[in-house]
Amino acid sequence: MQVQKPYQYKQIPTQFYFESKFNQLKNMVDASNTVIITDENVFEHHTSKFKNLNTIVIKSGEQFKIQKTVDSIIQQLIFFKANRSTILVGIGGGVVTDITGYVASIFMRGIEFGFVPTTVLGLVDASIGGKNGIDVGEFKNMVGTIHQPKFILHDITFLNTLPEKEWQNGFAEIIKHTCIGNKKMFQELNGRNIKYYRSKKTATSLLIQQNAKQKLKVVADDVFEKGNRKLLNFGHTLGHAIETPYKLSHGQAIAIGMMFACKISEQILRLKETQSVEKLLQQYGLPTELKFNPKKVLELIIMDKKRVQDEIQFVLLEKIGKAVIQKISLNQLEKALVDFSA
């Protein structure tokens, strides 16, 4: 048997356009062979931006990040006579970017796509890294692909119409980034709040870029989450398990998940800064506790992609700015869930 040297497949590069404007999109794509995917909220607030563009408008909310929505989009792409040279552009928050990337990955076995994130969460996290997927029942992101967008365009004027709760949503992921790898940013956030960032566009733009670049660096070194990219899951193991059944926003769920991870970190790694994390989350309008059914939540965690047999890879904190991945038995996790939910 002749063993051939493995072939190395190259990842698609992603071009970033920081501090850009939406109208530059027309210089980046051929409008006649581009299809926009957005949601009802974005379309309602920015209708004029979509004039003369092939546009698919989906319902807003995590509950519509499902296969039924994907099927509807594919039917409309067929109606638009989309082909393998068509480019999809997702304009919206995390649900829109997730669905757009997923549809682009599977339609005609894969077409190019780009994003114009319109939320803080989308700008700093959801649009970056190539994870695209949908939910199946109560299971978050159970089906999906890892496929990189061709471009990501930032126009922070979209944030002018963003509700307060969506700012809170995004700051959960920003605080996550500080906890796992940026103590200086943690300290900066400590002296400010959402009101400050809503009124200071330059500071907001800089903060968004810092967070985007932090995630980009991690993802570029570990596209398929075999190593340090797992650190980005801080707060997400519990967060994903409680988000849908307890009707929480993503940010709310992740904030509670981070507090849970901090509590476990106290026990295992002797973390001494749990109160500092709690204070910062509350400062940005995020919850830090929840009454839940530990047994039901454990059942959902058991289906988590990070589980290996009777252990789960859990992201813990040694200290603010330094995260580690620790294997935790399901028995140990169940006890921690009971204690935390009491």
C-alpha atoms as a PDB file:
ATOM      1  CA  MET A   1       0.000   0.000   0.000  1.00  0.00           C
ATOM      2  CA  GLN A   2       1.329   3.418  -0.960  1.00  0.00           C
ATOM      3  CA  VAL A   3       0.710   6.071   1.688  1.00  0.00           C
ATOM      4  CA  GLN A   4       0.357   9.529   0.172  1.00  0.00           C
ATOM      5  CA  LYS A   5       1.391  12.617   2.115  1.00  0.00           C
ATOM      6  CA  PRO A   6      -1.768  14.335   3.483  1.00  0.00           C
ATOM      7  CA  TYR A   7      -3.067  17.304   1.556  1.00  0.00           C
ATOM      8  CA  GLN A   8      -3.488  20.555   3.456  1.00  0.00           C
ATOM      9  CA  TYR A   9      -6.740  22.367   2.703  1.00  0.00           C
ATOM     10  CA  LYS A  10      -6.657  26.124   3.099  1.00  0.00           C
ATOM     11  CA  GLN A  11      -9.216  28.040   5.101  1.00  0.00           C
ATOM     12  CA  ILE A  12     -11.074  30.894   3.412  1.00  0.00           C
ATOM     13  CA  PRO A  13      -9.665  34.265   4.592  1.00  0.00           C
ATOM     14  CA  THR A  14     -12.071  36.796   6.102  1.00  0.00           C
ATOM     15  CA  GLN A  15     -11.684  40.489   5.275  1.00  0.00           C
ATOM     16  CA  PHE A  16     -12.631  42.871   8.087  1.00  0.00           C
ATOM     17  CA  TYR A  17     -13.906  46.398   7.494  1.00  0.00           C
ATOM     18  CA  PHE A  18     -13.784  48.220  10.831  1.00  0.00           C
ATOM     19  CA  GLU A  19     -15.255  51.734  11.198  1.00  0.00           C
ATOM     20  CA  SER A  20     -17.024  51.341   7.886  1.00  0.00           C
ATOM     21  CA  LYS A  21     -20.403  52.370   6.458  1.00  0.00           C
ATOM     22  CA  PHE A  22     -23.206  50.216   5.115  1.00  0.00           C
ATOM     23  CA  ASN A  23     -23.240  51.983   1.747  1.00  0.00           C
ATOM     24  CA  GLN A  24     -19.752  50.619   1.053  1.00  0.00           C
ATOM     25  CA  LEU A  25     -21.374  47.224   0.592  1.00  0.00           C
ATOM     26  CA  LYS A  26     -22.321  48.161  -2.962  1.00  0.00           C
ATOM     27  CA  ASN A  27     -18.627  48.418  -3.822  1.00  0.00           C
ATOM     28  CA  MET A  28     -17.919  44.966  -2.377  1.00  0.00           C
ATOM     29  CA  VAL A  29     -20.581  42.805  -4.023  1.00  0.00           C
ATOM     30  CA  ASP A  30     -22.582  42.606  -7.227  1.00  0.00           C
ATOM     31  CA  ALA A  31     -26.054  43.630  -6.041  1.00  0.00           C
ATOM     32  CA  SER A  32     -27.735  41.782  -8.905  1.00  0.00           C
ATOM     33  CA  ASN A  33     -26.340  38.459  -7.654  1.00  0.00           C
ATOM     34  CA  THR A  34     -26.441  39.132  -3.917  1.00  0.00           C
ATOM     35  CA  VAL A  35     -29.200  38.116  -1.515  1.00  0.00           C
ATOM     36  CA  ILE A  36     -29.596  39.885   1.814  1.00  0.00           C
ATOM     37  CA  ILE A  37     -30.883  38.010   4.863  1.00  0.00           C
ATOM     38  CA  THR A  38     -32.138  40.152   7.731  1.00  0.00           C
ATOM     39  CA  ASP A  39     -34.816  40.046  10.412  1.00  0.00           C
ATOM     40  CA  GLU A  40     -38.032  41.971  10.958  1.00  0.00           C
ATOM     41  CA  ASN A  41     -36.576  44.335  13.558  1.00  0.00           C
ATOM     42  CA  VAL A  42     -33.602  45.422  11.448  1.00  0.00           C
ATOM     43  CA  PHE A  43     -35.743  45.719   8.313  1.00  0.00           C
ATOM     44  CA  GLU A  44     -38.335  47.842  10.110  1.00  0.00           C
ATOM     45  CA  HIS A  45     -35.753  50.288  11.500  1.00  0.00           C
ATOM     46  CA  HIS A  46     -33.628  50.515   8.342  1.00  0.00           C
ATOM     47  CA  THR A  47     -36.038  49.849   5.455  1.00  0.00           C
ATOM     48  CA  SER A  48     -34.432  52.420   3.151  1.00  0.00           C
ATOM     49  CA  LYS A  49     -31.078  50.594   3.274  1.00  0.00           C
ATOM     50  CA  PHE A  50     -32.601  47.559   1.580  1.00  0.00           C
ATOM     51  CA  LYS A  51     -34.067  49.418  -1.398  1.00  0.00           C
ATOM     52  CA  ASN A  52     -33.282  47.681  -4.711  1.00  0.00           C
ATOM     53  CA  LEU A  53     -31.627  44.733  -2.914  1.00  0.00           C
ATOM     54  CA  ASN A  54     -32.824  41.108  -3.100  1.00  0.00           C
ATOM     55  CA  THR A  55     -33.883  40.719   0.520  1.00  0.00           C
ATOM     56  CA  ILE A  56     -35.202  37.847   2.619  1.00  0.00           C
ATOM     57  CA  VAL A  57     -36.750  38.948   5.917  1.00  0.00           C
ATOM     58  CA  ILE A  58     -37.012  36.347   8.686  1.00  0.00           C
ATOM     59  CA  LYS A  59     -38.793  36.527  12.027  1.00  0.00           C
ATOM     60  CA  SER A  60     -36.788  37.940  14.943  1.00  0.00           C
ATOM     61  CA  GLY A  61     -35.735  35.820  17.906  1.00  0.00           C
ATOM     62  CA  GLU A  62     -33.788  32.717  18.910  1.00  0.00           C
ATOM     63  CA  GLN A  63     -36.955  30.604  18.632  1.00  0.00           C
ATOM     64  CA  PHE A  64     -36.769  31.008  14.856  1.00  0.00           C
ATOM     65  CA  LYS A  65     -33.165  29.782  14.570  1.00  0.00           C
ATOM     66  CA  ILE A  66     -34.482  26.427  13.399  1.00  0.00           C
ATOM     67  CA  GLN A  67     -34.591  24.209  10.320  1.00  0.00           C
ATOM     68  CA  LYS A  68     -38.021  25.518   9.292  1.00  0.00           C
ATOM     69  CA  THR A  69     -36.525  28.992   8.818  1.00  0.00           C
ATOM     70  CA  VAL A  70     -33.620  27.521   6.842  1.00  0.00           C
ATOM     71  CA  ASP A  71     -36.034  25.653   4.543  1.00  0.00           C
ATOM     72  CA  SER A  72     -37.990  28.862   3.931  1.00  0.00           C
ATOM     73  CA  ILE A  73     -34.811  30.773   3.039  1.00  0.00           C
ATOM     74  CA  ILE A  74     -33.698  28.070   0.604  1.00  0.00           C
ATOM     75  CA  GLN A  75     -37.093  28.174  -1.128  1.00  0.00           C
ATOM     76  CA  GLN A  76     -36.731  31.947  -1.531  1.00  0.00           C
ATOM     77  CA  LEU A  77     -33.180  31.577  -2.855  1.00  0.00           C
ATOM     78  CA  ILE A  78     -34.546  29.245  -5.512  1.00  0.00           C
ATOM     79  CA  PHE A  79     -37.195  31.878  -6.314  1.00  0.00           C
ATOM     80  CA  PHE A  80     -34.428  34.510  -6.695  1.00  0.00           C
ATOM     81  CA  LYS A  81     -32.652  32.072  -9.058  1.00  0.00           C
ATOM     82  CA  ALA A  82     -29.604  32.071  -6.803  1.00  0.00           C
ATOM     83  CA  ASN A  83     -26.629  30.105  -8.124  1.00  0.00           C
ATOM     84  CA  ARG A  84     -23.159  29.060  -7.012  1.00  0.00           C
ATOM     85  CA  SER A  85     -21.797  32.570  -7.629  1.00  0.00           C
ATOM     86  CA  THR A  86     -24.490  34.221  -5.500  1.00  0.00           C
ATOM     87  CA  ILE A  87     -23.296  35.867  -2.291  1.00  0.00           C
ATOM     88  CA  LEU A  88     -25.442  35.873   0.844  1.00  0.00           C
ATOM     89  CA  VAL A  89     -25.104  38.819   3.231  1.00  0.00           C
ATOM     90  CA  GLY A  90     -26.487  38.471   6.755  1.00  0.00           C
ATOM     91  CA  ILE A  91     -27.461  41.847   8.222  1.00  0.00           C
ATOM     92  CA  GLY A  92     -28.495  41.529  11.844  1.00  0.00           C
ATOM     93  CA  GLY A  93     -27.585  40.011  15.173  1.00  0.00           C
ATOM     94  CA  GLY A  94     -26.395  36.551  16.154  1.00  0.00           C
ATOM     95  CA  VAL A  95     -29.483  34.698  14.939  1.00  0.00           C
ATOM     96  CA  VAL A  96     -29.221  36.246  11.468  1.00  0.00           C
ATOM     97  CA  THR A  97     -25.481  35.639  11.138  1.00  0.00           C
ATOM     98  CA  ASP A  98     -25.795  32.054  12.396  1.00  0.00           C
ATOM     99  CA  ILE A  99     -28.566  31.245   9.932  1.00  0.00           C
ATOM    100  CA  THR A 100     -26.959  33.071   7.018  1.00  0.00           C
ATOM    101  CA  GLY A 101     -23.663  31.245   7.467  1.00  0.00           C
ATOM    102  CA  TYR A 102     -25.423  27.911   7.818  1.00  0.00           C
ATOM    103  CA  VAL A 103     -27.578  28.386   4.721  1.00  0.00           C
ATOM    104  CA  ALA A 104     -24.547  29.545   2.708  1.00  0.00           C
ATOM    105  CA  SER A 105     -22.617  26.469   3.851  1.00  0.00           C
ATOM    106  CA  ILE A 106     -25.234  24.012   2.595  1.00  0.00           C
ATOM    107  CA  PHE A 107     -26.967  25.745  -0.336  1.00  0.00           C
ATOM    108  CA  MET A 108     -25.595  24.194  -3.549  1.00  0.00           C
ATOM    109  CA  ARG A 109     -22.904  22.613  -1.332  1.00  0.00           C
ATOM    110  CA  GLY A 110     -21.583  26.006  -0.325  1.00  0.00           C
ATOM    111  CA  ILE A 111     -21.623  29.600  -1.574  1.00  0.00           C
ATOM    112  CA  GLU A 112     -19.827  32.742  -0.390  1.00  0.00           C
ATOM    113  CA  PHE A 113     -21.288  34.908   2.340  1.00  0.00           C
ATOM    114  CA  GLY A 114     -20.549  37.987   4.424  1.00  0.00           C
ATOM    115  CA  PHE A 115     -21.912  39.739   7.484  1.00  0.00           C
ATOM    116  CA  VAL A 116     -22.965  43.213   8.546  1.00  0.00           C
ATOM    117  CA  PRO A 117     -23.526  42.714  12.312  1.00  0.00           C
ATOM    118  CA  THR A 118     -26.040  45.161  13.799  1.00  0.00           C
ATOM    119  CA  THR A 119     -25.800  44.297  17.519  1.00  0.00           C
ATOM    120  CA  VAL A 120     -23.014  44.488  20.075  1.00  0.00           C
ATOM    121  CA  LEU A 121     -23.201  40.718  20.445  1.00  0.00           C
ATOM    122  CA  GLY A 122     -22.910  40.250  16.696  1.00  0.00           C
ATOM    123  CA  LEU A 123     -20.014  42.686  16.370  1.00  0.00           C
ATOM    124  CA  VAL A 124     -17.839  41.243  19.145  1.00  0.00           C
ATOM    125  CA  ASP A 125     -18.734  37.563  19.013  1.00  0.00           C
ATOM    126  CA  ALA A 126     -21.462  35.935  16.921  1.00  0.00           C
ATOM    127  CA  SER A 127     -20.208  37.020  13.489  1.00  0.00           C
ATOM    128  CA  ILE A 128     -16.614  35.959  14.168  1.00  0.00           C
ATOM    129  CA  GLY A 129     -15.103  32.509  13.896  1.00  0.00           C
ATOM    130  CA  GLY A 130     -17.163  30.701  11.300  1.00  0.00           C
ATOM    131  CA  LYS A 131     -19.518  28.828  13.627  1.00  0.00           C
ATOM    132  CA  ASN A 132     -22.904  28.712  11.909  1.00  0.00           C
ATOM    133  CA  GLY A 133     -25.848  26.699  13.095  1.00  0.00           C
ATOM    134  CA  ILE A 134     -29.385  26.204  14.288  1.00  0.00           C
ATOM    135  CA  ASP A 135     -31.123  24.922  17.399  1.00  0.00           C
ATOM    136  CA  VAL A 136     -32.999  21.644  17.713  1.00  0.00           C
ATOM    137  CA  GLY A 137     -35.681  21.893  20.375  1.00  0.00           C
ATOM    138  CA  GLU A 138     -34.011  22.911  23.634  1.00  0.00           C
ATOM    139  CA  PHE A 139     -30.552  22.032  22.333  1.00  0.00           C
ATOM    140  CA  LYS A 140     -28.559  25.107  21.293  1.00  0.00           C
ATOM    141  CA  ASN A 141     -26.528  24.976  18.068  1.00  0.00           C
ATOM    142  CA  MET A 142     -26.929  21.223  17.808  1.00  0.00           C
ATOM    143  CA  VAL A 143     -26.675  21.311  14.002  1.00  0.00           C
ATOM    144  CA  GLY A 144     -24.217  23.480  12.103  1.00  0.00           C
ATOM    145  CA  THR A 145     -20.988  24.023  10.245  1.00  0.00           C
ATOM    146  CA  ILE A 146     -17.671  25.807  10.629  1.00  0.00           C
ATOM    147  CA  HIS A 147     -17.305  27.919   7.521  1.00  0.00           C
ATOM    148  CA  GLN A 148     -15.734  31.386   7.383  1.00  0.00           C
ATOM    149  CA  PRO A 149     -17.438  34.469   5.937  1.00  0.00           C
ATOM    150  CA  LYS A 150     -15.771  36.265   3.035  1.00  0.00           C
ATOM    151  CA  PHE A 151     -16.066  39.601   4.824  1.00  0.00           C
ATOM    152  CA  ILE A 152     -17.415  41.292   7.945  1.00  0.00           C
ATOM    153  CA  LEU A 153     -18.378  44.959   7.675  1.00  0.00           C
ATOM    154  CA  HIS A 154     -18.795  47.091  10.816  1.00  0.00           C
ATOM    155  CA  ASP A 155     -21.169  50.056  10.771  1.00  0.00           C
ATOM    156  CA  ILE A 156     -21.845  50.964  14.384  1.00  0.00           C
ATOM    157  CA  THR A 157     -24.563  53.462  13.447  1.00  0.00           C
ATOM    158  CA  PHE A 158     -26.863  50.413  13.512  1.00  0.00           C
ATOM    159  CA  LEU A 159     -26.408  50.496  17.291  1.00  0.00           C
ATOM    160  CA  ASN A 160     -28.350  53.794  17.442  1.00  0.00           C
ATOM    161  CA  THR A 161     -31.625  51.848  17.293  1.00  0.00           C
ATOM    162  CA  LEU A 162     -30.469  48.981  19.526  1.00  0.00           C
ATOM    163  CA  PRO A 163     -32.591  48.473  22.686  1.00  0.00           C
ATOM    164  CA  GLU A 164     -30.920  48.530  26.104  1.00  0.00           C
ATOM    165  CA  LYS A 165     -31.433  44.787  26.610  1.00  0.00           C
ATOM    166  CA  GLU A 166     -29.445  44.091  23.440  1.00  0.00           C
ATOM    167  CA  TRP A 167     -26.551  46.214  24.730  1.00  0.00           C
ATOM    168  CA  GLN A 168     -26.655  44.094  27.904  1.00  0.00           C
ATOM    169  CA  ASN A 169     -26.651  40.963  25.723  1.00  0.00           C
ATOM    170  CA  GLY A 170     -23.472  42.021  23.978  1.00  0.00           C
ATOM    171  CA  PHE A 171     -21.677  43.089  27.127  1.00  0.00           C
ATOM    172  CA  ALA A 172     -22.051  39.584  28.531  1.00  0.00           C
ATOM    173  CA  GLU A 173     -19.695  38.377  25.795  1.00  0.00           C
ATOM    174  CA  ILE A 174     -17.386  41.375  26.283  1.00  0.00           C
ATOM    175  CA  ILE A 175     -17.135  40.587  29.995  1.00  0.00           C
ATOM    176  CA  LYS A 176     -16.467  36.958  29.069  1.00  0.00           C
ATOM    177  CA  HIS A 177     -13.538  38.045  26.921  1.00  0.00           C
ATOM    178  CA  THR A 178     -12.102  40.092  29.781  1.00  0.00           C
ATOM    179  CA  CYS A 179     -12.435  37.210  32.227  1.00  0.00           C
ATOM    180  CA  ILE A 180     -10.641  34.679  30.057  1.00  0.00           C
ATOM    181  CA  GLY A 181      -7.872  36.847  28.696  1.00  0.00           C
ATOM    182  CA  ASN A 182      -7.907  40.613  29.228  1.00  0.00           C
ATOM    183  CA  LYS A 183      -7.682  41.879  32.806  1.00  0.00           C
ATOM    184  CA  LYS A 184      -6.893  45.415  31.625  1.00  0.00           C
ATOM    185  CA  MET A 185     -10.207  45.548  29.756  1.00  0.00           C
ATOM    186  CA  PHE A 186     -11.965  44.161  32.840  1.00  0.00           C
ATOM    187  CA  GLN A 187     -10.625  47.092  34.838  1.00  0.00           C
ATOM    188  CA  GLU A 188     -11.661  49.541  32.115  1.00  0.00           C
ATOM    189  CA  LEU A 189     -15.233  48.211  32.154  1.00  0.00           C
ATOM    190  CA  ASN A 190     -15.271  48.538  35.928  1.00  0.00           C
ATOM    191  CA  GLY A 191     -15.086  52.318  35.667  1.00  0.00           C
ATOM    192  CA  ARG A 192     -17.815  52.603  33.022  1.00  0.00           C
ATOM    193  CA  ASN A 193     -21.302  51.357  32.160  1.00  0.00           C
ATOM    194  CA  ILE A 194     -23.653  50.924  29.206  1.00  0.00           C
ATOM    195  CA  LYS A 195     -24.830  54.535  29.435  1.00  0.00           C
ATOM    196  CA  TYR A 196     -21.224  55.653  28.929  1.00  0.00           C
ATOM    197  CA  TYR A 197     -20.698  53.473  25.846  1.00  0.00           C
ATOM    198  CA  ARG A 198     -24.048  54.451  24.322  1.00  0.00           C
ATOM    199  CA  SER A 199     -22.982  58.098  24.441  1.00  0.00           C
ATOM    200  CA  LYS A 200     -19.311  57.655  23.466  1.00  0.00           C
ATOM    201  CA  LYS A 201     -19.147  56.275  19.930  1.00  0.00           C
ATOM    202  CA  THR A 202     -15.339  56.438  19.705  1.00  0.00           C
ATOM    203  CA  ALA A 203     -14.927  54.446  22.929  1.00  0.00           C
ATOM    204  CA  THR A 204     -17.557  51.948  21.756  1.00  0.00           C
ATOM    205  CA  SER A 205     -15.869  51.475  18.388  1.00  0.00           C
ATOM    206  CA  LEU A 206     -12.498  50.899  20.058  1.00  0.00           C
ATOM    207  CA  LEU A 207     -13.985  48.430  22.555  1.00  0.00           C
ATOM    208  CA  ILE A 208     -15.694  46.491  19.770  1.00  0.00           C
ATOM    209  CA  GLN A 209     -12.480  46.295  17.753  1.00  0.00           C
ATOM    210  CA  GLN A 210     -10.465  45.127  20.776  1.00  0.00           C
ATOM    211  CA  ASN A 211     -12.955  42.348  21.445  1.00  0.00           C
ATOM    212  CA  ALA A 212     -13.231  41.323  17.801  1.00  0.00           C
ATOM    213  CA  LYS A 213      -9.453  41.143  17.464  1.00  0.00           C
ATOM    214  CA  GLN A 214      -9.133  39.146  20.698  1.00  0.00           C
ATOM    215  CA  LYS A 215     -11.564  36.525  19.411  1.00  0.00           C
ATOM    216  CA  LEU A 216     -10.009  36.598  15.934  1.00  0.00           C
ATOM    217  CA  LYS A 217      -6.579  35.771  17.321  1.00  0.00           C
ATOM    218  CA  VAL A 218      -7.914  32.795  19.261  1.00  0.00           C
ATOM    219  CA  VAL A 219      -9.942  31.456  16.341  1.00  0.00           C
ATOM    220  CA  ALA A 220      -7.161  31.915  13.778  1.00  0.00           C
ATOM    221  CA  ASP A 221      -4.923  29.639  15.853  1.00  0.00           C
ATOM    222  CA  ASP A 222      -7.628  27.023  16.470  1.00  0.00           C
ATOM    223  CA  VAL A 223     -10.375  27.142  13.842  1.00  0.00           C
ATOM    224  CA  PHE A 224     -11.933  23.773  14.704  1.00  0.00           C
ATOM    225  CA  GLU A 225     -11.822  24.159  18.496  1.00  0.00           C
ATOM    226  CA  LYS A 226      -9.218  21.538  19.342  1.00  0.00           C
ATOM    227  CA  GLY A 227      -7.364  23.712  21.847  1.00  0.00           C
ATOM    228  CA  ASN A 228      -7.571  27.266  23.176  1.00  0.00           C
ATOM    229  CA  ARG A 229     -10.714  28.160  21.237  1.00  0.00           C
ATOM    230  CA  LYS A 230     -12.546  26.122  23.867  1.00  0.00           C
ATOM    231  CA  LEU A 231     -11.783  28.939  26.331  1.00  0.00           C
ATOM    232  CA  LEU A 232     -14.357  31.054  24.493  1.00  0.00           C
ATOM    233  CA  ASN A 233     -16.983  28.704  25.961  1.00  0.00           C
ATOM    234  CA  PHE A 234     -16.574  30.240  29.422  1.00  0.00           C
ATOM    235  CA  GLY A 235     -20.093  30.428  30.847  1.00  0.00           C
ATOM    236  CA  HIS A 236     -21.634  28.620  27.893  1.00  0.00           C
ATOM    237  CA  THR A 237     -21.997  25.089  29.289  1.00  0.00           C
ATOM    238  CA  LEU A 238     -24.672  26.077  31.787  1.00  0.00           C
ATOM    239  CA  GLY A 239     -25.681  29.096  29.688  1.00  0.00           C
ATOM    240  CA  HIS A 240     -26.756  27.052  26.679  1.00  0.00           C
ATOM    241  CA  ALA A 241     -28.633  24.596  28.903  1.00  0.00           C
ATOM    242  CA  ILE A 242     -30.791  27.292  30.551  1.00  0.00           C
ATOM    243  CA  GLU A 243     -31.221  29.789  27.704  1.00  0.00           C
ATOM    244  CA  THR A 244     -34.118  28.182  25.843  1.00  0.00           C
ATOM    245  CA  PRO A 245     -36.066  26.368  28.581  1.00  0.00           C
ATOM    246  CA  TYR A 246     -35.980  29.408  30.901  1.00  0.00           C
ATOM    247  CA  LYS A 247     -36.636  31.930  28.097  1.00  0.00           C
ATOM    248  CA  LEU A 248     -33.469  33.921  28.737  1.00  0.00           C
ATOM    249  CA  SER A 249     -31.585  36.085  26.273  1.00  0.00           C
ATOM    250  CA  HIS A 250     -28.175  34.761  25.274  1.00  0.00           C
ATOM    251  CA  GLY A 251     -26.410  37.367  27.382  1.00  0.00           C
ATOM    252  CA  GLN A 252     -28.510  36.653  30.455  1.00  0.00           C
ATOM    253  CA  ALA A 253     -27.875  32.923  30.159  1.00  0.00           C
ATOM    254  CA  ILE A 254     -24.126  33.352  29.657  1.00  0.00           C
ATOM    255  CA  ALA A 255     -23.880  35.773  32.592  1.00  0.00           C
ATOM    256  CA  ILE A 256     -25.462  33.183  34.895  1.00  0.00           C
ATOM    257  CA  GLY A 257     -23.252  30.516  33.345  1.00  0.00           C
ATOM    258  CA  MET A 258     -20.146  32.587  34.119  1.00  0.00           C
ATOM    259  CA  MET A 259     -21.179  32.946  37.732  1.00  0.00           C
ATOM    260  CA  PHE A 260     -21.651  29.183  37.950  1.00  0.00           C
ATOM    261  CA  ALA A 261     -18.203  28.629  36.439  1.00  0.00           C
ATOM    262  CA  CYS A 262     -16.743  31.072  38.967  1.00  0.00           C
ATOM    263  CA  LYS A 263     -18.337  29.136  41.837  1.00  0.00           C
ATOM    264  CA  ILE A 264     -16.779  25.898  40.593  1.00  0.00           C
ATOM    265  CA  SER A 265     -13.488  27.743  40.096  1.00  0.00           C
ATOM    266  CA  GLU A 266     -13.574  28.743  43.766  1.00  0.00           C
ATOM    267  CA  GLN A 267     -13.775  25.084  44.776  1.00  0.00           C
ATOM    268  CA  ILE A 268     -11.262  23.636  42.323  1.00  0.00           C
ATOM    269  CA  LEU A 269      -8.824  26.472  41.586  1.00  0.00           C
ATOM    270  CA  ARG A 270      -9.343  28.684  44.657  1.00  0.00           C
ATOM    271  CA  LEU A 271     -10.513  31.641  42.582  1.00  0.00           C
ATOM    272  CA  LYS A 272     -10.739  34.708  44.810  1.00  0.00           C
ATOM    273  CA  GLU A 273     -12.416  37.146  42.409  1.00  0.00           C
ATOM    274  CA  THR A 274     -15.954  35.793  42.044  1.00  0.00           C
ATOM    275  CA  GLN A 275     -17.451  38.873  43.699  1.00  0.00           C
ATOM    276  CA  SER A 276     -15.620  41.141  41.250  1.00  0.00           C
ATOM    277  CA  VAL A 277     -17.111  39.245  38.300  1.00  0.00           C
ATOM    278  CA  GLU A 278     -20.558  39.319  39.904  1.00  0.00           C
ATOM    279  CA  LYS A 279     -20.340  43.071  40.522  1.00  0.00           C
ATOM    280  CA  LEU A 280     -19.322  43.797  36.937  1.00  0.00           C
ATOM    281  CA  LEU A 281     -22.102  41.662  35.467  1.00  0.00           C
ATOM    282  CA  GLN A 282     -24.676  43.436  37.623  1.00  0.00           C
ATOM    283  CA  GLN A 283     -23.157  46.799  36.699  1.00  0.00           C
ATOM    284  CA  TYR A 284     -24.007  46.041  33.075  1.00  0.00           C
ATOM    285  CA  GLY A 285     -27.572  44.965  33.872  1.00  0.00           C
ATOM    286  CA  LEU A 286     -26.981  41.219  33.737  1.00  0.00           C
ATOM    287  CA  PRO A 287     -28.397  38.556  36.105  1.00  0.00           C
ATOM    288  CA  THR A 288     -26.099  36.434  38.250  1.00  0.00           C
ATOM    289  CA  GLU A 289     -28.447  33.766  39.622  1.00  0.00           C
ATOM    290  CA  LEU A 290     -31.417  31.656  38.597  1.00  0.00           C
ATOM    291  CA  LYS A 291     -33.683  29.076  40.194  1.00  0.00           C
ATOM    292  CA  PHE A 292     -33.696  26.060  37.904  1.00  0.00           C
ATOM    293  CA  ASN A 293     -34.284  22.319  37.910  1.00  0.00           C
ATOM    294  CA  PRO A 294     -30.794  20.775  38.317  1.00  0.00           C
ATOM    295  CA  LYS A 295     -31.868  17.379  36.990  1.00  0.00           C
ATOM    296  CA  LYS A 296     -33.427  18.821  33.837  1.00  0.00           C
ATOM    297  CA  VAL A 297     -30.452  21.122  33.225  1.00  0.00           C
ATOM    298  CA  LEU A 298     -28.002  18.231  33.692  1.00  0.00           C
ATOM    299  CA  GLU A 299     -29.899  16.235  31.045  1.00  0.00           C
ATOM    300  CA  LEU A 300     -29.374  19.077  28.593  1.00  0.00           C
ATOM    301  CA  ILE A 301     -25.689  19.455  29.511  1.00  0.00           C
ATOM    302  CA  ILE A 302     -25.152  15.727  28.937  1.00  0.00           C
ATOM    303  CA  MET A 303     -25.996  16.387  25.277  1.00  0.00           C
ATOM    304  CA  ASP A 304     -23.448  19.203  25.157  1.00  0.00           C
ATOM    305  CA  LYS A 305     -20.785  18.930  22.443  1.00  0.00           C
ATOM    306  CA  LYS A 306     -18.069  19.344  25.105  1.00  0.00           C
ATOM    307  CA  ARG A 307     -18.979  16.121  26.927  1.00  0.00           C
ATOM    308  CA  VAL A 308     -16.669  13.112  26.626  1.00  0.00           C
ATOM    309  CA  GLN A 309     -18.216   9.960  28.162  1.00  0.00           C
ATOM    310  CA  ASP A 310     -18.889  10.737  31.858  1.00  0.00           C
ATOM    311  CA  GLU A 311     -16.835  13.945  31.932  1.00  0.00           C
ATOM    312  CA  ILE A 312     -17.297  17.406  30.521  1.00  0.00           C
ATOM    313  CA  GLN A 313     -14.610  19.890  29.538  1.00  0.00           C
ATOM    314  CA  PHE A 314     -15.382  22.940  31.626  1.00  0.00           C
ATOM    315  CA  VAL A 315     -13.807  26.393  31.310  1.00  0.00           C
ATOM    316  CA  LEU A 316     -12.757  27.722  34.713  1.00  0.00           C
ATOM    317  CA  LEU A 317     -10.880  30.780  35.952  1.00  0.00           C
ATOM    318  CA  GLU A 318      -7.589  30.722  37.814  1.00  0.00           C
ATOM    319  CA  LYS A 319      -7.942  34.495  38.083  1.00  0.00           C
ATOM    320  CA  ILE A 320      -9.471  37.319  36.072  1.00  0.00           C
ATOM    321  CA  GLY A 321      -7.655  37.291  32.748  1.00  0.00           C
ATOM    322  CA  LYS A 322      -6.560  33.651  33.001  1.00  0.00           C
ATOM    323  CA  ALA A 323      -8.860  30.756  32.046  1.00  0.00           C
ATOM    324  CA  VAL A 324      -8.154  27.028  31.890  1.00  0.00           C
ATOM    325  CA  ILE A 325      -9.960  23.934  30.645  1.00  0.00           C
ATOM    326  CA  GLN A 326     -10.691  21.365  33.333  1.00  0.00           C
ATOM    327  CA  LYS A 327     -12.383  17.982  33.063  1.00  0.00           C
ATOM    328  CA  ILE A 328     -15.239  17.641  35.542  1.00  0.00           C
ATOM    329  CA  SER A 329     -17.175  14.451  36.215  1.00  0.00           C
ATOM    330  CA  LEU A 330     -20.921  14.533  35.674  1.00  0.00           C
ATOM    331  CA  ASN A 331     -21.406  13.545  39.332  1.00  0.00           C
ATOM    332  CA  GLN A 332     -19.344  16.531  40.453  1.00  0.00           C
ATOM    333  CA  LEU A 333     -21.243  18.762  38.033  1.00  0.00           C
ATOM    334  CA  GLU A 334     -24.616  17.555  39.297  1.00  0.00           C
ATOM    335  CA  LYS A 335     -23.700  18.432  42.890  1.00  0.00           C
ATOM    336  CA  ALA A 336     -22.510  21.885  41.808  1.00  0.00           C
ATOM    337  CA  LEU A 337     -25.775  22.469  39.919  1.00  0.00           C
ATOM    338  CA  VAL A 338     -27.823  21.549  42.986  1.00  0.00           C
ATOM    339  CA  ASP A 339     -25.813  23.921  45.170  1.00  0.00           C
ATOM    340  CA  PHE A 340     -25.942  26.790  42.661  1.00  0.00           C
ATOM    341  CA  SER A 341     -29.687  26.548  41.993  1.00  0.00           C
ATOM    342  CA  ALA A 342     -30.628  26.342  45.683  1.00  0.00           C
END
